[in-house]
Amino acid sequence: MPESTPGRGSGGNVIAALASLVIPGLGQLAQGRVLSALLLVSVSGILWVLSFGLLGWVGHVIACLDAALWRGPR
């Protein structure tokens, strides 16, 4: 029986990953993962402030990868 939840690499995950690359946590919100979104936007904000913007992009990349590789509820 085919899975009803889109998996890794689905179109929804690609859109969520691109959204998280622009604004960390936005892709997780699109996937319905509110706690993950809050955590990632907080981590990214802390990285931007503490590193004077030098490591802020790391938070964007982490959020992007998290959204892209998410497999959905099990």
C-alpha atoms as a PDB file:
ATOM      1  CA  MET A   1       0.000   0.000   0.000  1.00  0.00           C
ATOM      2  CA  PRO A   2       1.483   3.414  -0.930  1.00  0.00           C
ATOM      3  CA  GLU A   3       2.319   5.832   1.813  1.00  0.00           C
ATOM      4  CA  SER A   4      -0.059   8.800   2.121  1.00  0.00           C
ATOM      5  CA  THR A   5       2.530  11.092   3.703  1.00  0.00           C
ATOM      6  CA  PRO A   6       5.044  12.667   1.327  1.00  0.00           C
ATOM      7  CA  GLY A   7       8.547  11.454   1.992  1.00  0.00           C
ATOM      8  CA  ARG A   8      12.012  12.819   1.643  1.00  0.00           C
ATOM      9  CA  GLY A   9      12.568  14.619  -1.643  1.00  0.00           C
ATOM     10  CA  SER A  10       8.867  15.251  -2.270  1.00  0.00           C
ATOM     11  CA  GLY A  11       7.730  18.534  -3.777  1.00  0.00           C
ATOM     12  CA  GLY A  12       6.413  19.717  -0.418  1.00  0.00           C
ATOM     13  CA  ASN A  13       9.773  19.141   1.228  1.00  0.00           C
ATOM     14  CA  VAL A  14      11.569  21.049  -1.512  1.00  0.00           C
ATOM     15  CA  ILE A  15       9.276  24.048  -1.045  1.00  0.00           C
ATOM     16  CA  ALA A  16       9.656  23.825   2.744  1.00  0.00           C
ATOM     17  CA  ALA A  17      13.446  23.643   2.395  1.00  0.00           C
ATOM     18  CA  LEU A  18      13.536  26.731   0.185  1.00  0.00           C
ATOM     19  CA  ALA A  19      11.271  28.588   2.616  1.00  0.00           C
ATOM     20  CA  SER A  20      13.567  27.647   5.511  1.00  0.00           C
ATOM     21  CA  LEU A  21      16.589  28.822   3.580  1.00  0.00           C
ATOM     22  CA  VAL A  22      15.035  32.285   3.328  1.00  0.00           C
ATOM     23  CA  ILE A  23      13.535  32.419   6.853  1.00  0.00           C
ATOM     24  CA  PRO A  24      14.648  29.660   9.254  1.00  0.00           C
ATOM     25  CA  GLY A  25      11.642  27.775  10.625  1.00  0.00           C
ATOM     26  CA  LEU A  26       9.218  28.817   7.892  1.00  0.00           C
ATOM     27  CA  GLY A  27       9.487  25.449   6.156  1.00  0.00           C
ATOM     28  CA  GLN A  28       8.902  23.622   9.413  1.00  0.00           C
ATOM     29  CA  LEU A  29       5.772  25.732   9.956  1.00  0.00           C
ATOM     30  CA  ALA A  30       4.611  24.765   6.467  1.00  0.00           C
ATOM     31  CA  GLN A  31       5.084  21.126   7.451  1.00  0.00           C
ATOM     32  CA  GLY A  32       3.077  21.658  10.633  1.00  0.00           C
ATOM     33  CA  ARG A  33       6.038  21.356  13.028  1.00  0.00           C
ATOM     34  CA  VAL A  34       5.624  24.382  15.282  1.00  0.00           C
ATOM     35  CA  LEU A  35       8.138  23.391  17.986  1.00  0.00           C
ATOM     36  CA  SER A  36      10.851  22.676  15.418  1.00  0.00           C
ATOM     37  CA  ALA A  37      10.151  26.028  13.776  1.00  0.00           C
ATOM     38  CA  LEU A  38      10.469  27.896  17.077  1.00  0.00           C
ATOM     39  CA  LEU A  39      13.675  26.069  17.946  1.00  0.00           C
ATOM     40  CA  LEU A  40      15.288  26.725  14.570  1.00  0.00           C
ATOM     41  CA  VAL A  41      14.348  30.393  14.410  1.00  0.00           C
ATOM     42  CA  SER A  42      15.713  30.819  17.950  1.00  0.00           C
ATOM     43  CA  VAL A  43      18.985  29.050  17.161  1.00  0.00           C
ATOM     44  CA  SER A  44      19.421  31.030  13.968  1.00  0.00           C
ATOM     45  CA  GLY A  45      18.693  34.309  15.736  1.00  0.00           C
ATOM     46  CA  ILE A  46      21.196  33.503  18.469  1.00  0.00           C
ATOM     47  CA  LEU A  47      23.840  32.636  15.867  1.00  0.00           C
ATOM     48  CA  TRP A  48      23.214  35.923  14.015  1.00  0.00           C
ATOM     49  CA  VAL A  49      23.534  37.993  17.189  1.00  0.00           C
ATOM     50  CA  LEU A  50      26.430  36.230  18.883  1.00  0.00           C
ATOM     51  CA  SER A  51      28.613  35.962  15.792  1.00  0.00           C
ATOM     52  CA  PHE A  52      27.828  39.451  14.436  1.00  0.00           C
ATOM     53  CA  GLY A  53      26.249  37.809  11.371  1.00  0.00           C
ATOM     54  CA  LEU A  54      29.164  35.561  10.496  1.00  0.00           C
ATOM     55  CA  LEU A  55      27.560  32.268  11.554  1.00  0.00           C
ATOM     56  CA  GLY A  56      23.935  33.259  10.995  1.00  0.00           C
ATOM     57  CA  TRP A  57      23.780  31.424   7.698  1.00  0.00           C
ATOM     58  CA  VAL A  58      24.538  28.162   9.487  1.00  0.00           C
ATOM     59  CA  GLY A  59      21.082  28.379  11.077  1.00  0.00           C
ATOM     60  CA  HIS A  60      19.507  28.855   7.646  1.00  0.00           C
ATOM     61  CA  VAL A  61      21.308  25.828   6.230  1.00  0.00           C
ATOM     62  CA  ILE A  62      20.410  23.635   9.225  1.00  0.00           C
ATOM     63  CA  ALA A  63      16.742  24.640   8.914  1.00  0.00           C
ATOM     64  CA  CYS A  64      16.830  23.997   5.175  1.00  0.00           C
ATOM     65  CA  LEU A  65      18.311  20.518   5.588  1.00  0.00           C
ATOM     66  CA  ASP A  66      15.894  19.668   8.389  1.00  0.00           C
ATOM     67  CA  ALA A  67      12.901  20.585   6.207  1.00  0.00           C
ATOM     68  CA  ALA A  68      14.273  18.773   3.149  1.00  0.00           C
ATOM     69  CA  LEU A  69      15.119  15.530   4.953  1.00  0.00           C
ATOM     70  CA  TRP A  70      11.964  15.292   7.089  1.00  0.00           C
ATOM     71  CA  ARG A  71      10.068  12.051   6.438  1.00  0.00           C
ATOM     72  CA  GLY A  72       6.799  12.946   8.097  1.00  0.00           C
ATOM     73  CA  PRO A  73       4.953  11.420  11.039  1.00  0.00           C
ATOM     74  CA  ARG A  74       5.423   7.717  11.529  1.00  0.00           C
END
